[in-house]
Amino acid sequence: LIYGEPWTGGITTLPSNKTTSRGTQSR
């Protein structure tokens, strides 16, 4: 079982299209 928080704690230099955020978990 794998799960996590789909948010950051501040502004990141990781491009937004690479973050594991809401919706990216789909399938």
mmCIF file of all heavy atoms, coordinates in Angstrom:
data_MODEL
# 
_entry.id   MODEL 
# 
loop_
_atom_site.group_PDB 
_atom_site.id 
_atom_site.type_symbol 
_atom_site.label_atom_id 
_atom_site.label_alt_id 
_atom_site.label_comp_id 
_atom_site.label_asym_id 
_atom_site.label_entity_id 
_atom_site.label_seq_id 
_atom_site.pdbx_PDB_ins_code 
_atom_site.Cartn_x 
_atom_site.Cartn_y 
_atom_site.Cartn_z 
_atom_site.occupancy 
_atom_site.B_iso_or_equiv 
_atom_site.pdbx_formal_charge 
_atom_site.auth_seq_id 
_atom_site.auth_comp_id 
_atom_site.auth_asym_id 
_atom_site.auth_atom_id 
_atom_site.pdbx_PDB_model_num 
ATOM 1   N N   . LEU A 1 1  ? 0.847  -1.184 0.000   1.00 0.00 ? 1  LEU A N   1 
ATOM 2   C CA  . LEU A 1 1  ? 0.000  0.000  0.000   1.00 0.00 ? 1  LEU A CA  1 
ATOM 3   C C   . LEU A 1 1  ? 0.887  1.240  0.000   1.00 0.00 ? 1  LEU A C   1 
ATOM 4   O O   . LEU A 1 1  ? 1.786  1.368  0.833   1.00 0.00 ? 1  LEU A O   1 
ATOM 5   C CB  . LEU A 1 1  ? -0.907 -0.001 1.231   1.00 0.00 ? 1  LEU A CB  1 
ATOM 6   C CG  . LEU A 1 1  ? -1.984 1.079  1.302   1.00 0.00 ? 1  LEU A CG  1 
ATOM 7   C CD1 . LEU A 1 1  ? -2.982 0.922  0.161   1.00 0.00 ? 1  LEU A CD1 1 
ATOM 8   C CD2 . LEU A 1 1  ? -2.709 1.020  2.649   1.00 0.00 ? 1  LEU A CD2 1 
ATOM 9   N N   . ILE A 1 2  ? 0.627  2.164  -0.932  1.00 0.00 ? 2  ILE A N   1 
ATOM 10  C CA  . ILE A 1 2  ? 1.465  3.355  -1.081  1.00 0.00 ? 2  ILE A CA  1 
ATOM 11  C C   . ILE A 1 2  ? 0.563  4.576  -1.155  1.00 0.00 ? 2  ILE A C   1 
ATOM 12  O O   . ILE A 1 2  ? -0.371 4.619  -1.964  1.00 0.00 ? 2  ILE A O   1 
ATOM 13  C CB  . ILE A 1 2  ? 2.334  3.258  -2.352  1.00 0.00 ? 2  ILE A CB  1 
ATOM 14  C CG1 . ILE A 1 2  ? 3.228  2.010  -2.284  1.00 0.00 ? 2  ILE A CG1 1 
ATOM 15  C CG2 . ILE A 1 2  ? 3.176  4.514  -2.541  1.00 0.00 ? 2  ILE A CG2 1 
ATOM 16  C CD1 . ILE A 1 2  ? 3.932  1.695  -3.593  1.00 0.00 ? 2  ILE A CD1 1 
ATOM 17  N N   . TYR A 1 3  ? 0.845  5.576  -0.311  1.00 0.00 ? 3  TYR A N   1 
ATOM 18  C CA  . TYR A 1 3  ? 0.065  6.810  -0.345  1.00 0.00 ? 3  TYR A CA  1 
ATOM 19  C C   . TYR A 1 3  ? 0.900  7.955  0.204   1.00 0.00 ? 3  TYR A C   1 
ATOM 20  O O   . TYR A 1 3  ? 1.963  7.732  0.792   1.00 0.00 ? 3  TYR A O   1 
ATOM 21  C CB  . TYR A 1 3  ? -1.248 6.666  0.430   1.00 0.00 ? 3  TYR A CB  1 
ATOM 22  C CG  . TYR A 1 3  ? -1.121 6.245  1.877   1.00 0.00 ? 3  TYR A CG  1 
ATOM 23  C CD1 . TYR A 1 3  ? -1.162 7.183  2.906   1.00 0.00 ? 3  TYR A CD1 1 
ATOM 24  C CD2 . TYR A 1 3  ? -0.992 4.897  2.229   1.00 0.00 ? 3  TYR A CD2 1 
ATOM 25  C CE1 . TYR A 1 3  ? -1.065 6.797  4.244   1.00 0.00 ? 3  TYR A CE1 1 
ATOM 26  C CE2 . TYR A 1 3  ? -0.894 4.504  3.553   1.00 0.00 ? 3  TYR A CE2 1 
ATOM 27  C CZ  . TYR A 1 3  ? -0.939 5.450  4.562   1.00 0.00 ? 3  TYR A CZ  1 
ATOM 28  O OH  . TYR A 1 3  ? -0.840 5.067  5.878   1.00 0.00 ? 3  TYR A OH  1 
ATOM 29  N N   . GLY A 1 4  ? 0.422  9.188  0.014   1.00 0.00 ? 4  GLY A N   1 
ATOM 30  C CA  . GLY A 1 4  ? 1.204  10.322 0.491   1.00 0.00 ? 4  GLY A CA  1 
ATOM 31  C C   . GLY A 1 4  ? 0.488  11.645 0.351   1.00 0.00 ? 4  GLY A C   1 
ATOM 32  O O   . GLY A 1 4  ? -0.657 11.716 -0.110  1.00 0.00 ? 4  GLY A O   1 
ATOM 33  N N   . GLU A 1 5  ? 1.198  12.694 0.741   1.00 0.00 ? 5  GLU A N   1 
ATOM 34  C CA  . GLU A 1 5  ? 0.649  14.049 0.725   1.00 0.00 ? 5  GLU A CA  1 
ATOM 35  C C   . GLU A 1 5  ? 0.899  14.699 -0.644  1.00 0.00 ? 5  GLU A C   1 
ATOM 36  O O   . GLU A 1 5  ? 2.054  14.887 -1.022  1.00 0.00 ? 5  GLU A O   1 
ATOM 37  C CB  . GLU A 1 5  ? 1.317  14.906 1.792   1.00 0.00 ? 5  GLU A CB  1 
ATOM 38  C CG  . GLU A 1 5  ? 1.076  14.454 3.212   1.00 0.00 ? 5  GLU A CG  1 
ATOM 39  C CD  . GLU A 1 5  ? 1.847  15.300 4.218   1.00 0.00 ? 5  GLU A CD  1 
ATOM 40  O OE1 . GLU A 1 5  ? 3.057  15.532 4.005   1.00 0.00 ? 5  GLU A OE1 1 
ATOM 41  O OE2 . GLU A 1 5  ? 1.239  15.736 5.207   1.00 0.00 ? 5  GLU A OE2 1 
ATOM 42  N N   . PRO A 1 6  ? -0.140 15.085 -1.363  1.00 0.00 ? 6  PRO A N   1 
ATOM 43  C CA  . PRO A 1 6  ? 0.051  15.639 -2.714  1.00 0.00 ? 6  PRO A CA  1 
ATOM 44  C C   . PRO A 1 6  ? 0.278  17.150 -2.694  1.00 0.00 ? 6  PRO A C   1 
ATOM 45  O O   . PRO A 1 6  ? -0.292 17.890 -3.499  1.00 0.00 ? 6  PRO A O   1 
ATOM 46  C CB  . PRO A 1 6  ? -1.275 15.293 -3.399  1.00 0.00 ? 6  PRO A CB  1 
ATOM 47  C CG  . PRO A 1 6  ? -2.285 15.426 -2.303  1.00 0.00 ? 6  PRO A CG  1 
ATOM 48  C CD  . PRO A 1 6  ? -1.578 14.931 -1.041  1.00 0.00 ? 6  PRO A CD  1 
ATOM 49  N N   . TRP A 1 7  ? 1.093  17.618 -1.778  1.00 0.00 ? 7  TRP A N   1 
ATOM 50  C CA  . TRP A 1 7  ? 1.380  19.051 -1.691  1.00 0.00 ? 7  TRP A CA  1 
ATOM 51  C C   . TRP A 1 7  ? 2.810  19.256 -1.230  1.00 0.00 ? 7  TRP A C   1 
ATOM 52  O O   . TRP A 1 7  ? 3.486  18.328 -0.788  1.00 0.00 ? 7  TRP A O   1 
ATOM 53  C CB  . TRP A 1 7  ? 0.400  19.744 -0.738  1.00 0.00 ? 7  TRP A CB  1 
ATOM 54  C CG  . TRP A 1 7  ? 0.269  19.122 0.619   1.00 0.00 ? 7  TRP A CG  1 
ATOM 55  C CD1 . TRP A 1 7  ? 1.148  19.174 1.646   1.00 0.00 ? 7  TRP A CD1 1 
ATOM 56  C CD2 . TRP A 1 7  ? -0.830 18.324 1.095   1.00 0.00 ? 7  TRP A CD2 1 
ATOM 57  N NE1 . TRP A 1 7  ? 0.679  18.477 2.734   1.00 0.00 ? 7  TRP A NE1 1 
ATOM 58  C CE2 . TRP A 1 7  ? -0.535 17.941 2.429   1.00 0.00 ? 7  TRP A CE2 1 
ATOM 59  C CE3 . TRP A 1 7  ? -2.036 17.912 0.516   1.00 0.00 ? 7  TRP A CE3 1 
ATOM 60  C CZ2 . TRP A 1 7  ? -1.397 17.164 3.192   1.00 0.00 ? 7  TRP A CZ2 1 
ATOM 61  C CZ3 . TRP A 1 7  ? -2.891 17.130 1.276   1.00 0.00 ? 7  TRP A CZ3 1 
ATOM 62  C CH2 . TRP A 1 7  ? -2.575 16.776 2.592   1.00 0.00 ? 7  TRP A CH2 1 
ATOM 63  N N   . THR A 1 8  ? 3.272  20.483 -1.328  1.00 0.00 ? 8  THR A N   1 
ATOM 64  C CA  . THR A 1 8  ? 4.600  20.863 -0.857  1.00 0.00 ? 8  THR A CA  1 
ATOM 65  C C   . THR A 1 8  ? 4.446  21.702 0.403   1.00 0.00 ? 8  THR A C   1 
ATOM 66  O O   . THR A 1 8  ? 3.334  22.048 0.807   1.00 0.00 ? 8  THR A O   1 
ATOM 67  C CB  . THR A 1 8  ? 5.347  21.686 -1.918  1.00 0.00 ? 8  THR A CB  1 
ATOM 68  O OG1 . THR A 1 8  ? 4.723  22.971 -2.037  1.00 0.00 ? 8  THR A OG1 1 
ATOM 69  C CG2 . THR A 1 8  ? 5.341  20.997 -3.277  1.00 0.00 ? 8  THR A CG2 1 
ATOM 70  N N   . GLY A 1 9  ? 5.588  22.048 1.010   1.00 0.00 ? 9  GLY A N   1 
ATOM 71  C CA  . GLY A 1 9  ? 5.567  22.931 2.167   1.00 0.00 ? 9  GLY A CA  1 
ATOM 72  C C   . GLY A 1 9  ? 6.048  24.327 1.830   1.00 0.00 ? 9  GLY A C   1 
ATOM 73  O O   . GLY A 1 9  ? 6.202  25.161 2.721   1.00 0.00 ? 9  GLY A O   1 
ATOM 74  N N   . GLY A 1 10 ? 6.286  24.585 0.551   1.00 0.00 ? 10 GLY A N   1 
ATOM 75  C CA  . GLY A 1 10 ? 6.784  25.891 0.110   1.00 0.00 ? 10 GLY A CA  1 
ATOM 76  C C   . GLY A 1 10 ? 6.995  25.876 -1.387  1.00 0.00 ? 10 GLY A C   1 
ATOM 77  O O   . GLY A 1 10 ? 6.558  24.963 -2.097  1.00 0.00 ? 10 GLY A O   1 
ATOM 78  N N   . ILE A 1 11 ? 7.694  26.876 -1.895  1.00 0.00 ? 11 ILE A N   1 
ATOM 79  C CA  . ILE A 1 11 ? 7.933  27.004 -3.335  1.00 0.00 ? 11 ILE A CA  1 
ATOM 80  C C   . ILE A 1 11 ? 9.140  26.162 -3.723  1.00 0.00 ? 11 ILE A C   1 
ATOM 81  O O   . ILE A 1 11 ? 10.208 26.270 -3.133  1.00 0.00 ? 11 ILE A O   1 
ATOM 82  C CB  . ILE A 1 11 ? 8.162  28.478 -3.723  1.00 0.00 ? 11 ILE A CB  1 
ATOM 83  C CG1 . ILE A 1 11 ? 6.913  29.305 -3.399  1.00 0.00 ? 11 ILE A CG1 1 
ATOM 84  C CG2 . ILE A 1 11 ? 8.508  28.599 -5.201  1.00 0.00 ? 11 ILE A CG2 1 
ATOM 85  C CD1 . ILE A 1 11 ? 7.100  30.792 -3.602  1.00 0.00 ? 11 ILE A CD1 1 
ATOM 86  N N   . THR A 1 12 ? 8.958  25.318 -4.725  1.00 0.00 ? 12 THR A N   1 
ATOM 87  C CA  . THR A 1 12 ? 10.007 24.408 -5.154  1.00 0.00 ? 12 THR A CA  1 
ATOM 88  C C   . THR A 1 12 ? 10.507 24.755 -6.547  1.00 0.00 ? 12 THR A C   1 
ATOM 89  O O   . THR A 1 12 ? 9.763  25.335 -7.356  1.00 0.00 ? 12 THR A O   1 
ATOM 90  C CB  . THR A 1 12 ? 9.500  22.954 -5.144  1.00 0.00 ? 12 THR A CB  1 
ATOM 91  O OG1 . THR A 1 12 ? 10.523 22.086 -5.643  1.00 0.00 ? 12 THR A OG1 1 
ATOM 92  C CG2 . THR A 1 12 ? 8.250  22.792 -6.000  1.00 0.00 ? 12 THR A CG2 1 
ATOM 93  N N   . THR A 1 13 ? 11.739 24.379 -6.821  1.00 0.00 ? 13 THR A N   1 
ATOM 94  C CA  . THR A 1 13 ? 12.285 24.550 -8.172  1.00 0.00 ? 13 THR A CA  1 
ATOM 95  C C   . THR A 1 13 ? 11.937 23.365 -9.071  1.00 0.00 ? 13 THR A C   1 
ATOM 96  O O   . THR A 1 13 ? 12.241 23.395 -10.269 1.00 0.00 ? 13 THR A O   1 
ATOM 97  C CB  . THR A 1 13 ? 13.817 24.703 -8.116  1.00 0.00 ? 13 THR A CB  1 
ATOM 98  O OG1 . THR A 1 13 ? 14.383 23.571 -7.445  1.00 0.00 ? 13 THR A OG1 1 
ATOM 99  C CG2 . THR A 1 13 ? 14.219 25.976 -7.393  1.00 0.00 ? 13 THR A CG2 1 
ATOM 100 N N   . LEU A 1 14 ? 11.327 22.325 -8.509  1.00 0.00 ? 14 LEU A N   1 
ATOM 101 C CA  . LEU A 1 14 ? 10.884 21.205 -9.335  1.00 0.00 ? 14 LEU A CA  1 
ATOM 102 C C   . LEU A 1 14 ? 9.767  21.681 -10.251 1.00 0.00 ? 14 LEU A C   1 
ATOM 103 O O   . LEU A 1 14 ? 8.779  22.256 -9.777  1.00 0.00 ? 14 LEU A O   1 
ATOM 104 C CB  . LEU A 1 14 ? 10.386 20.062 -8.449  1.00 0.00 ? 14 LEU A CB  1 
ATOM 105 C CG  . LEU A 1 14 ? 9.919  18.790 -9.160  1.00 0.00 ? 14 LEU A CG  1 
ATOM 106 C CD1 . LEU A 1 14 ? 11.081 18.092 -9.854  1.00 0.00 ? 14 LEU A CD1 1 
ATOM 107 C CD2 . LEU A 1 14 ? 9.226  17.837 -8.181  1.00 0.00 ? 14 LEU A CD2 1 
ATOM 108 N N   . PRO A 1 15 ? 9.874  21.487 -11.562 1.00 0.00 ? 15 PRO A N   1 
ATOM 109 C CA  . PRO A 1 15 ? 8.818  21.948 -12.485 1.00 0.00 ? 15 PRO A CA  1 
ATOM 110 C C   . PRO A 1 15 ? 7.454  21.382 -12.107 1.00 0.00 ? 15 PRO A C   1 
ATOM 111 O O   . PRO A 1 15 ? 7.347  20.235 -11.658 1.00 0.00 ? 15 PRO A O   1 
ATOM 112 C CB  . PRO A 1 15 ? 9.289  21.425 -13.847 1.00 0.00 ? 15 PRO A CB  1 
ATOM 113 C CG  . PRO A 1 15 ? 10.764 21.274 -13.711 1.00 0.00 ? 15 PRO A CG  1 
ATOM 114 C CD  . PRO A 1 15 ? 10.997 20.864 -12.286 1.00 0.00 ? 15 PRO A CD  1 
ATOM 115 N N   . SER A 1 16 ? 6.423  22.174 -12.287 1.00 0.00 ? 16 SER A N   1 
ATOM 116 C CA  . SER A 1 16 ? 5.080  21.781 -11.852 1.00 0.00 ? 16 SER A CA  1 
ATOM 117 C C   . SER A 1 16 ? 4.596  20.523 -12.555 1.00 0.00 ? 16 SER A C   1 
ATOM 118 O O   . SER A 1 16 ? 3.812  19.753 -11.988 1.00 0.00 ? 16 SER A O   1 
ATOM 119 C CB  . SER A 1 16 ? 4.094  22.925 -12.092 1.00 0.00 ? 16 SER A CB  1 
ATOM 120 O OG  . SER A 1 16 ? 4.056  23.278 -13.468 1.00 0.00 ? 16 SER A OG  1 
ATOM 121 N N   . ASN A 1 17 ? 5.057  20.290 -13.786 1.00 0.00 ? 17 ASN A N   1 
ATOM 122 C CA  . ASN A 1 17 ? 4.612  19.088 -14.502 1.00 0.00 ? 17 ASN A CA  1 
ATOM 123 C C   . ASN A 1 17 ? 5.335  17.826 -14.028 1.00 0.00 ? 17 ASN A C   1 
ATOM 124 O O   . ASN A 1 17 ? 5.070  16.735 -14.510 1.00 0.00 ? 17 ASN A O   1 
ATOM 125 C CB  . ASN A 1 17 ? 4.795  19.263 -16.009 1.00 0.00 ? 17 ASN A CB  1 
ATOM 126 C CG  . ASN A 1 17 ? 6.246  19.371 -16.423 1.00 0.00 ? 17 ASN A CG  1 
ATOM 127 O OD1 . ASN A 1 17 ? 7.100  19.724 -15.612 1.00 0.00 ? 17 ASN A OD1 1 
ATOM 128 N ND2 . ASN A 1 17 ? 6.538  19.088 -17.687 1.00 0.00 ? 17 ASN A ND2 1 
ATOM 129 N N   . LYS A 1 18 ? 6.258  17.990 -13.059 1.00 0.00 ? 18 LYS A N   1 
ATOM 130 C CA  . LYS A 1 18 ? 6.967  16.838 -12.511 1.00 0.00 ? 18 LYS A CA  1 
ATOM 131 C C   . LYS A 1 18 ? 6.595  16.554 -11.051 1.00 0.00 ? 18 LYS A C   1 
ATOM 132 O O   . LYS A 1 18 ? 7.008  15.540 -10.494 1.00 0.00 ? 18 LYS A O   1 
ATOM 133 C CB  . LYS A 1 18 ? 8.482  17.057 -12.614 1.00 0.00 ? 18 LYS A CB  1 
ATOM 134 C CG  . LYS A 1 18 ? 9.019  16.950 -14.040 1.00 0.00 ? 18 LYS A CG  1 
ATOM 135 C CD  . LYS A 1 18 ? 8.834  15.534 -14.584 1.00 0.00 ? 18 LYS A CD  1 
ATOM 136 C CE  . LYS A 1 18 ? 9.402  15.368 -15.965 1.00 0.00 ? 18 LYS A CE  1 
ATOM 137 N NZ  . LYS A 1 18 ? 9.212  13.976 -16.490 1.00 0.00 ? 18 LYS A NZ  1 
ATOM 138 N N   . THR A 1 19 ? 5.845  17.444 -10.423 1.00 0.00 ? 19 THR A N   1 
ATOM 139 C CA  . THR A 1 19 ? 5.464  17.215 -9.030  1.00 0.00 ? 19 THR A CA  1 
ATOM 140 C C   . THR A 1 19 ? 4.439  16.094 -8.937  1.00 0.00 ? 19 THR A C   1 
ATOM 141 O O   . THR A 1 19 ? 3.618  15.905 -9.843  1.00 0.00 ? 19 THR A O   1 
ATOM 142 C CB  . THR A 1 19 ? 4.889  18.485 -8.385  1.00 0.00 ? 19 THR A CB  1 
ATOM 143 O OG1 . THR A 1 19 ? 3.705  18.873 -9.095  1.00 0.00 ? 19 THR A OG1 1 
ATOM 144 C CG2 . THR A 1 19 ? 5.890  19.623 -8.409  1.00 0.00 ? 19 THR A CG2 1 
ATOM 145 N N   . THR A 1 20 ? 4.476  15.361 -7.836  1.00 0.00 ? 20 THR A N   1 
ATOM 146 C CA  . THR A 1 20 ? 3.480  14.317 -7.596  1.00 0.00 ? 20 THR A CA  1 
ATOM 147 C C   . THR A 1 20 ? 2.342  14.955 -6.811  1.00 0.00 ? 20 THR A C   1 
ATOM 148 O O   . THR A 1 20 ? 2.266  14.868 -5.586  1.00 0.00 ? 20 THR A O   1 
ATOM 149 C CB  . THR A 1 20 ? 4.109  13.151 -6.825  1.00 0.00 ? 20 THR A CB  1 
ATOM 150 O OG1 . THR A 1 20 ? 5.231  12.663 -7.555  1.00 0.00 ? 20 THR A OG1 1 
ATOM 151 C CG2 . THR A 1 20 ? 3.117  12.016 -6.653  1.00 0.00 ? 20 THR A CG2 1 
ATOM 152 N N   . SER A 1 21 ? 1.469  15.617 -7.550  1.00 0.00 ? 21 SER A N   1 
ATOM 153 C CA  . SER A 1 21 ? 0.391  16.386 -6.942  1.00 0.00 ? 21 SER A CA  1 
ATOM 154 C C   . SER A 1 21 ? -0.958 15.777 -7.310  1.00 0.00 ? 21 SER A C   1 
ATOM 155 O O   . SER A 1 21 ? -1.030 14.759 -8.001  1.00 0.00 ? 21 SER A O   1 
ATOM 156 C CB  . SER A 1 21 ? 0.472  17.849 -7.381  1.00 0.00 ? 21 SER A CB  1 
ATOM 157 O OG  . SER A 1 21 ? 0.637  17.944 -8.777  1.00 0.00 ? 21 SER A OG  1 
ATOM 158 N N   . ARG A 1 22 ? -2.006 16.416 -6.849  1.00 0.00 ? 22 ARG A N   1 
ATOM 159 C CA  . ARG A 1 22 ? -3.351 15.874 -7.039  1.00 0.00 ? 22 ARG A CA  1 
ATOM 160 C C   . ARG A 1 22 ? -3.639 15.646 -8.530  1.00 0.00 ? 22 ARG A C   1 
ATOM 161 O O   . ARG A 1 22 ? -3.463 16.529 -9.350  1.00 0.00 ? 22 ARG A O   1 
ATOM 162 C CB  . ARG A 1 22 ? -4.379 16.833 -6.460  1.00 0.00 ? 22 ARG A CB  1 
ATOM 163 C CG  . ARG A 1 22 ? -5.800 16.313 -6.564  1.00 0.00 ? 22 ARG A CG  1 
ATOM 164 C CD  . ARG A 1 22 ? -6.803 17.317 -6.076  1.00 0.00 ? 22 ARG A CD  1 
ATOM 165 N NE  . ARG A 1 22 ? -6.540 17.755 -4.719  1.00 0.00 ? 22 ARG A NE  1 
ATOM 166 C CZ  . ARG A 1 22 ? -7.340 18.563 -4.034  1.00 0.00 ? 22 ARG A CZ  1 
ATOM 167 N NH1 . ARG A 1 22 ? -8.440 19.023 -4.597  1.00 0.00 ? 22 ARG A NH1 1 
ATOM 168 N NH2 . ARG A 1 22 ? -7.049 18.917 -2.814  1.00 0.00 ? 22 ARG A NH2 1 
ATOM 169 N N   . GLY A 1 23 ? -4.087 14.467 -8.860  1.00 0.00 ? 23 GLY A N   1 
ATOM 170 C CA  . GLY A 1 23 ? -4.394 14.105 -10.237 1.00 0.00 ? 23 GLY A CA  1 
ATOM 171 C C   . GLY A 1 23 ? -3.311 13.271 -10.883 1.00 0.00 ? 23 GLY A C   1 
ATOM 172 O O   . GLY A 1 23 ? -3.598 12.446 -11.756 1.00 0.00 ? 23 GLY A O   1 
ATOM 173 N N   . THR A 1 24 ? -2.057 13.468 -10.460 1.00 0.00 ? 24 THR A N   1 
ATOM 174 C CA  . THR A 1 24 ? -0.978 12.693 -11.076 1.00 0.00 ? 24 THR A CA  1 
ATOM 175 C C   . THR A 1 24 ? -0.989 11.239 -10.630 1.00 0.00 ? 24 THR A C   1 
ATOM 176 O O   . THR A 1 24 ? -0.350 10.389 -11.239 1.00 0.00 ? 24 THR A O   1 
ATOM 177 C CB  . THR A 1 24 ? 0.404  13.302 -10.742 1.00 0.00 ? 24 THR A CB  1 
ATOM 178 O OG1 . THR A 1 24 ? 0.595  13.298 -9.322  1.00 0.00 ? 24 THR A OG1 1 
ATOM 179 C CG2 . THR A 1 24 ? 0.523  14.720 -11.257 1.00 0.00 ? 24 THR A CG2 1 
ATOM 180 N N   . GLN A 1 25 ? -1.722 10.952 -9.548  1.00 0.00 ? 25 GLN A N   1 
ATOM 181 C CA  . GLN A 1 25 ? -1.788 9.576  -9.053  1.00 0.00 ? 25 GLN A CA  1 
ATOM 182 C C   . GLN A 1 25 ? -2.713 8.709  -9.905  1.00 0.00 ? 25 GLN A C   1 
ATOM 183 O O   . GLN A 1 25 ? -2.708 7.486  -9.753  1.00 0.00 ? 25 GLN A O   1 
ATOM 184 C CB  . GLN A 1 25 ? -2.282 9.564  -7.608  1.00 0.00 ? 25 GLN A CB  1 
ATOM 185 C CG  . GLN A 1 25 ? -3.794 9.527  -7.404  1.00 0.00 ? 25 GLN A CG  1 
ATOM 186 C CD  . GLN A 1 25 ? -4.549 10.711 -7.976  1.00 0.00 ? 25 GLN A CD  1 
ATOM 187 O OE1 . GLN A 1 25 ? -4.063 11.828 -7.918  1.00 0.00 ? 25 GLN A OE1 1 
ATOM 188 N NE2 . GLN A 1 25 ? -5.723 10.485 -8.533  1.00 0.00 ? 25 GLN A NE2 1 
ATOM 189 N N   . SER A 1 26 ? -3.476 9.306  -10.802 1.00 0.00 ? 26 SER A N   1 
ATOM 190 C CA  . SER A 1 26 ? -4.499 8.573  -11.540 1.00 0.00 ? 26 SER A CA  1 
ATOM 191 C C   . SER A 1 26 ? -3.896 7.384  -12.284 1.00 0.00 ? 26 SER A C   1 
ATOM 192 O O   . SER A 1 26 ? -2.997 7.531  -13.108 1.00 0.00 ? 26 SER A O   1 
ATOM 193 C CB  . SER A 1 26 ? -5.191 9.513  -12.542 1.00 0.00 ? 26 SER A CB  1 
ATOM 194 O OG  . SER A 1 26 ? -6.201 8.820  -13.247 1.00 0.00 ? 26 SER A OG  1 
ATOM 195 N N   . ARG A 1 27 ? -4.401 6.198  -11.936 1.00 0.00 ? 27 ARG A N   1 
ATOM 196 C CA  . ARG A 1 27 ? -3.987 4.939  -12.561 1.00 0.00 ? 27 ARG A CA  1 
ATOM 197 C C   . ARG A 1 27 ? -2.500 4.643  -12.386 1.00 0.00 ? 27 ARG A C   1 
ATOM 198 O O   . ARG A 1 27 ? -1.918 3.891  -13.159 1.00 0.00 ? 27 ARG A O   1 
ATOM 199 C CB  . ARG A 1 27 ? -4.361 4.919  -14.052 1.00 0.00 ? 27 ARG A CB  1 
ATOM 200 C CG  . ARG A 1 27 ? -5.864 5.003  -14.305 1.00 0.00 ? 27 ARG A CG  1 
ATOM 201 C CD  . ARG A 1 27 ? -6.203 4.990  -15.788 1.00 0.00 ? 27 ARG A CD  1 
ATOM 202 N NE  . ARG A 1 27 ? -7.639 4.909  -15.985 1.00 0.00 ? 27 ARG A NE  1 
ATOM 203 C CZ  . ARG A 1 27 ? -8.463 5.956  -15.979 1.00 0.00 ? 27 ARG A CZ  1 
ATOM 204 N NH1 . ARG A 1 27 ? -7.974 7.175  -15.774 1.00 0.00 ? 27 ARG A NH1 1 
ATOM 205 N NH2 . ARG A 1 27 ? -9.765 5.793  -16.153 1.00 0.00 ? 27 ARG A NH2 1 
# 
